[in-house]
Protein backbone atom coordinates (compact mmCIF):
# COMPACT_ATOMS: atom_id res chain seq x y z
CA MET A 1 355.27 69.27 172.75
CA ALA A 2 357.71 69.79 175.62
CA ASP A 3 355.38 72.20 177.03
CA ASP A 4 352.53 69.85 176.81
CA TYR A 5 354.64 67.37 178.75
CA ARG A 6 355.27 69.88 181.53
CA ALA A 7 351.69 70.75 181.73
CA ILE A 8 350.69 67.07 182.14
CA HIS A 9 353.38 66.63 184.73
CA GLN A 10 352.08 69.49 186.75
CA LEU A 11 348.48 68.23 186.67
CA TRP A 12 349.59 64.84 187.73
CA THR A 13 351.67 65.93 190.55
CA GLN A 14 348.89 68.38 191.77
CA GLY A 15 346.52 65.37 191.78
CA ASN A 16 344.43 66.54 188.95
CA TYR A 17 344.27 63.04 187.31
CA MET A 18 341.20 63.49 185.23
CA GLU A 19 342.64 66.60 183.59
CA ALA A 20 345.99 64.78 183.14
CA LEU A 21 344.31 61.74 181.35
CA GLU A 22 342.28 64.23 179.26
CA GLU A 23 345.52 65.90 178.04
CA ILE A 24 347.21 62.61 177.33
CA TRP A 25 344.21 61.54 175.39
CA GLN A 26 344.84 64.34 172.96
CA ILE A 27 348.22 63.18 172.07
CA GLN A 28 347.96 61.70 168.53
CA ASP A 29 351.74 61.17 167.94
CA GLU A 30 351.79 57.86 166.22
CA LEU A 31 355.47 57.34 167.06
CA LEU A 32 355.13 58.01 170.76
CA THR A 33 354.98 54.85 172.93
CA PHE A 34 354.07 54.82 176.61
CA PRO A 35 357.55 54.25 177.73
CA SER A 36 358.93 57.16 175.94
CA PHE A 37 356.02 59.36 177.17
CA GLN A 38 356.88 58.32 180.69
CA ALA A 39 360.45 59.49 180.18
CA ALA A 40 359.44 62.75 178.44
CA ALA A 41 356.86 63.59 181.09
CA SER A 42 359.20 62.97 183.90
CA ILE A 43 356.39 61.48 186.10
CA GLU A 44 357.97 59.05 188.48
CA ASN A 45 356.40 55.57 188.83
CA LEU A 46 353.61 56.35 186.41
CA ASP A 47 352.09 53.18 184.99
CA LEU A 48 349.13 52.71 182.84
CA ARG A 49 346.97 51.06 185.53
CA ASP A 50 347.82 53.97 187.79
CA LEU A 51 347.09 56.62 185.35
CA VAL A 52 343.66 55.26 184.27
CA PHE A 53 342.55 53.97 187.62
CA ARG A 54 343.35 57.17 189.47
CA ALA A 55 341.43 59.37 186.95
CA CYS A 56 338.49 57.12 186.96
CA GLN A 57 338.48 56.86 190.77
CA GLN A 58 338.73 60.70 190.99
CA ALA A 59 335.71 60.90 188.70
CA ALA A 60 333.72 58.72 191.13
CA THR A 61 334.96 60.31 194.24
CA ILE A 62 334.60 64.10 193.50
CA SER A 63 331.14 63.71 192.53
CA TRP A 64 329.73 61.66 195.17
CA THR A 65 328.03 64.23 197.28
CA ASN A 66 327.33 66.86 194.47
CA THR A 67 324.84 66.24 191.73
CA PHE A 68 326.39 68.94 189.50
CA GLU A 69 329.91 67.51 189.73
CA ARG A 70 328.44 63.91 189.30
CA GLU A 71 327.05 65.00 186.02
CA GLN A 72 330.33 66.62 185.02
CA ALA A 73 332.19 63.41 185.75
CA ARG A 74 329.69 61.35 183.77
CA GLN A 75 330.29 63.78 180.83
CA TRP A 76 333.94 63.41 181.25
CA VAL A 77 333.65 59.56 181.09
CA GLU A 78 331.32 59.73 178.13
CA GLN A 79 333.67 62.11 176.32
CA ARG A 80 336.57 59.47 176.74
CA LEU A 81 334.20 56.69 175.41
CA LYS A 82 333.35 58.84 172.34
CA ALA A 83 336.92 59.35 171.49
CA PHE A 84 337.62 55.54 171.51
CA PRO A 85 339.85 53.81 170.81
CA PRO A 86 342.61 55.54 172.95
CA PRO A 87 345.50 57.17 171.37
CA PRO A 88 348.65 55.19 170.62
CA VAL A 89 350.50 56.81 173.72
CA LEU A 90 348.16 54.90 176.03
CA ILE A 91 348.32 51.49 174.30
CA GLU A 92 351.85 50.95 172.66
CA HIS A 93 354.22 49.99 175.12
CA GLY A 94 357.19 49.01 172.77
CA ASP A 95 356.27 45.27 173.37
CA LEU A 96 358.60 42.82 171.90
CA GLY A 97 357.83 39.55 170.11
CA LEU A 98 355.73 38.51 167.20
CA ALA A 99 353.46 41.04 165.60
CA GLU A 100 350.29 38.84 166.65
CA ALA A 101 351.39 38.90 170.29
CA VAL A 102 352.15 42.61 170.15
CA SER A 103 348.69 43.13 168.68
CA ASP A 104 347.11 40.99 171.32
CA ALA A 105 348.74 43.06 174.08
CA GLU A 106 347.61 46.29 172.72
CA THR A 107 344.05 45.07 172.32
CA TYR A 108 344.10 43.92 175.93
CA ARG A 109 345.01 47.44 176.94
CA ILE A 110 342.35 48.94 175.01
CA GLU A 111 339.57 46.57 176.34
CA MET A 112 340.96 47.15 179.92
CA ILE A 113 340.59 50.97 179.56
CA HIS A 114 337.20 50.61 178.09
CA ALA A 115 336.28 48.46 181.18
CA HIS A 116 337.43 50.94 183.60
CA LEU A 117 335.33 53.72 181.96
CA LEU A 118 332.39 51.57 181.91
CA CYS A 119 332.81 50.55 185.57
CA THR A 120 333.14 54.29 186.36
CA LEU A 121 329.78 55.00 184.70
CA ALA A 122 328.28 52.18 186.81
CA VAL A 123 329.46 53.66 190.05
CA LEU A 124 328.28 57.21 188.91
CA GLN A 125 324.75 55.82 187.92
CA GLY A 126 324.30 53.10 190.64
CA GLU A 127 322.88 53.18 194.09
CA TRP A 128 325.36 52.15 196.60
CA THR A 129 323.43 51.65 199.81
CA SER A 130 324.21 48.07 200.76
CA GLY A 131 327.23 45.80 201.17
CA THR A 132 326.88 44.19 197.82
CA VAL A 133 327.34 45.41 194.18
CA PRO A 134 324.07 47.37 193.48
CA SER A 135 322.10 48.38 190.45
CA GLY A 136 325.15 49.65 188.67
CA LYS A 137 326.19 45.89 188.42
CA ALA A 138 323.52 45.24 185.74
CA MET A 139 323.94 48.53 183.83
CA PHE A 140 326.83 47.45 181.55
CA ALA A 141 326.54 43.63 181.92
CA LYS A 142 326.41 43.02 178.18
CA GLU A 143 329.40 45.27 177.38
CA LEU A 144 331.58 43.88 180.36
CA SER A 145 330.71 40.42 179.37
CA ALA A 146 332.11 40.95 176.01
CA ILE A 147 335.21 42.53 177.53
CA ALA A 148 335.59 39.63 179.97
CA GLU A 149 335.42 37.07 176.89
CA ALA A 150 337.98 39.07 175.04
CA THR A 151 340.45 39.32 177.85
CA ASP A 152 339.84 36.04 179.47
CA VAL A 153 339.15 37.71 182.72
CA PRO A 154 335.95 36.72 184.67
CA LEU A 155 333.05 39.05 185.03
CA SER A 156 333.65 39.03 188.73
CA PHE A 157 336.75 40.83 188.23
CA PHE A 158 335.05 43.86 186.89
CA TYR A 159 332.45 43.82 189.73
CA ASN A 160 335.43 43.98 192.17
CA LEU A 161 336.81 46.82 190.20
CA MET A 162 333.69 48.84 190.78
CA GLN A 163 334.05 48.32 194.53
CA GLU A 164 337.52 49.59 194.17
CA LEU A 165 336.39 52.74 192.44
CA LEU A 166 334.09 53.69 195.23
CA PRO A 167 334.83 56.69 197.44
CA GLU A 168 336.58 55.75 200.70
CA GLU A 169 333.59 56.95 202.93
CA VAL A 170 331.30 54.54 200.93
CA LYS A 171 333.72 51.71 201.34
CA THR A 172 333.70 52.44 205.01
CA ARG A 173 329.99 52.05 205.23
CA GLN A 174 330.17 48.74 203.34
CA LEU A 175 332.93 47.09 205.80
CA HIS A 176 333.05 43.28 205.29
CA PRO A 177 333.96 40.86 207.86
CA ALA A 178 337.56 39.74 207.79
CA ARG A 179 338.01 37.58 204.74
CA PRO A 180 340.23 34.47 204.68
CA THR A 181 343.71 35.13 203.01
CA LEU A 182 346.93 33.22 202.51
CA SER A 183 350.21 34.48 201.31
CA LEU A 184 353.01 32.58 199.67
CA THR A 185 356.65 33.34 198.54
CA THR A 186 357.30 32.91 194.94
CA LEU A 187 359.96 33.34 192.38
CA LEU A 188 359.41 35.32 189.24
CA VAL A 189 362.03 34.49 186.35
CA ARG A 190 362.08 36.35 183.26
CA GLU A 191 362.48 34.26 180.09
CA GLY A 192 366.09 33.95 178.93
CA ARG A 193 367.54 34.91 182.29
CA GLU A 194 368.80 32.82 185.16
CA GLU A 195 368.19 35.13 188.04
CA GLY A 196 364.67 35.67 189.45
CA VAL A 197 362.66 38.29 191.59
CA VAL A 198 361.11 37.32 194.75
CA ALA A 199 357.38 38.09 194.90
CA THR A 200 354.38 37.55 197.18
CA LEU A 201 351.22 35.76 195.96
CA THR A 202 348.26 36.53 198.15
CA LEU A 203 344.97 34.72 197.74
CA GLU A 204 341.77 36.12 199.21
CA LEU A 205 338.45 34.10 199.62
CA LEU A 206 335.51 36.30 198.83
CA PRO A 207 331.85 35.48 199.84
CA ASN A 208 328.88 35.86 197.56
CA GLY A 209 330.88 34.47 194.48
CA THR A 210 330.27 32.21 191.59
CA GLY A 211 333.24 29.91 191.99
CA THR A 212 335.69 31.93 189.95
CA LEU A 213 339.35 32.77 190.21
CA TYR A 214 340.61 36.16 189.04
CA PRO A 215 343.38 38.69 189.69
CA SER A 216 342.89 41.84 191.87
CA PRO A 217 342.01 45.06 190.11
CA ASP A 218 345.47 46.35 190.64
CA LEU A 219 346.68 43.89 188.10
CA ALA A 220 344.22 45.00 185.55
CA PHE A 221 346.82 46.06 182.93
CA VAL A 222 349.20 42.98 183.63
CA ARG A 223 348.55 40.92 180.64
CA ARG A 224 348.62 37.06 181.35
CA ASP A 225 349.78 34.79 178.34
CA PRO A 226 347.74 31.79 177.37
CA SER A 227 350.17 29.41 179.32
CA PHE A 228 349.92 31.47 182.53
CA ARG A 229 345.93 31.56 182.22
CA ASP A 230 346.07 27.77 181.64
CA ALA A 231 348.21 27.22 184.89
CA GLU A 232 345.50 29.22 186.75
CA LYS A 233 342.64 27.18 185.34
CA ASN A 234 344.54 23.83 185.85
CA ALA A 235 345.23 24.73 189.56
CA ARG A 236 341.46 25.50 189.98
CA THR A 237 340.49 22.24 188.27
CA TYR A 238 342.98 20.41 190.67
CA VAL A 239 341.47 21.90 193.76
CA GLU A 240 338.08 21.12 192.53
CA SER A 241 339.10 17.47 192.11
CA LEU A 242 339.91 17.45 195.83
CA GLY A 243 336.37 18.51 196.65
CA LEU A 244 337.50 21.75 198.09
CA TRP A 245 336.22 24.21 195.50
CA ARG A 246 333.23 26.36 196.55
CA LYS A 247 330.63 27.43 193.96
CA ASP A 248 329.50 30.26 196.30
CA ARG A 249 332.97 31.73 196.82
CA ASP A 250 335.56 33.50 194.59
CA VAL A 251 339.24 33.46 194.99
CA CYS A 252 341.07 36.77 194.14
CA TRP A 253 344.79 36.78 193.76
CA ARG A 254 347.37 39.45 194.02
CA LEU A 255 350.96 39.26 193.12
CA GLU A 256 353.51 41.86 194.35
CA ARG A 257 357.41 42.04 193.70
CA ARG A 258 359.33 42.34 196.89
CA ASP A 259 361.39 45.03 195.35
CA ARG A 260 358.22 47.07 194.67
CA GLN A 261 358.85 47.25 190.90
CA SER A 262 355.88 47.18 188.63
CA ILE A 263 354.89 43.73 187.11
CA LEU A 264 354.47 44.30 183.35
CA ALA A 265 353.41 40.89 182.02
CA LEU A 266 353.04 37.39 183.29
CA GLY A 267 353.77 34.18 181.27
CA GLY A 268 354.43 30.59 181.57
CA PRO A 269 353.00 27.99 183.96
CA SER A 270 355.55 28.12 186.78
CA LEU A 271 353.02 29.67 189.32
CA GLY A 272 350.46 26.78 188.80
CA LEU A 273 351.96 24.98 191.79
CA ALA A 274 351.67 27.92 194.06
CA PHE A 275 348.06 28.61 192.91
CA ALA A 276 347.06 24.98 193.63
CA THR A 277 348.87 24.64 196.96
CA GLY A 278 347.64 28.13 198.21
CA MET A 279 344.00 27.58 197.18
CA ALA A 280 343.94 24.01 198.74
CA LYS A 281 345.12 25.51 201.97
CA LEU A 282 342.87 28.46 201.94
CA LEU A 283 339.82 26.46 201.14
CA VAL A 284 340.41 23.58 203.44
CA THR A 285 339.86 25.93 206.33
CA GLU A 286 336.24 26.64 205.11
């Protein structure tokens, strides 16, 4: 097994993300959690989002100008989907708490990995010639809608993820006008501790939306507990009561720790005020 970890480490550090994920997918050790794999593989700053997103983005990118490579990438994605669900190493993170909460966290990760693979297929099969999400958007609408319901993440989030998976040269051709953004300083406090971590909450107003609020794709694997999601919804309801909410706009939010450490989960209602204040300030300029 040690040789397998060294091989994965080499693939990862060489930028062969698709192969690295494929190798990790083969690990069926029921006792191996993702944190213990991280330690054993000695891959610095490896998180689940980074691993899955980079592999999926590579599948979309390397195949963009070559039909043969595009077919290989499509087969790579379909092989992952046929081998679903992912092995324990990708979904078990040593979560603490009640069994039900742990099960919910693992189910959330499974759904998000599924969504990344489906979005990658949409990118591979769609025609990306305009500045809007194209034909690929409708390809897996039913499947993505089911995932959106299971994870309590709006469907717009997954369409945004498709855009993020696009090769840089395609994104360059689809340059959008500067979008209104607003950043606030917040404090993240871990339950049971008195000290907190300073973070930046950034809100971005997106055109051609459906009036939804959702996290940015880089927070895809950060699970938000019910009280946190309720705080988001209550903030949106408050801004709507002020007459500021736009049905033709979306608000995408991003949260980053100032110490550059990863955010693993979000819980509690404490960011509700920051959401409400930030969105009101952002939308009043419209």
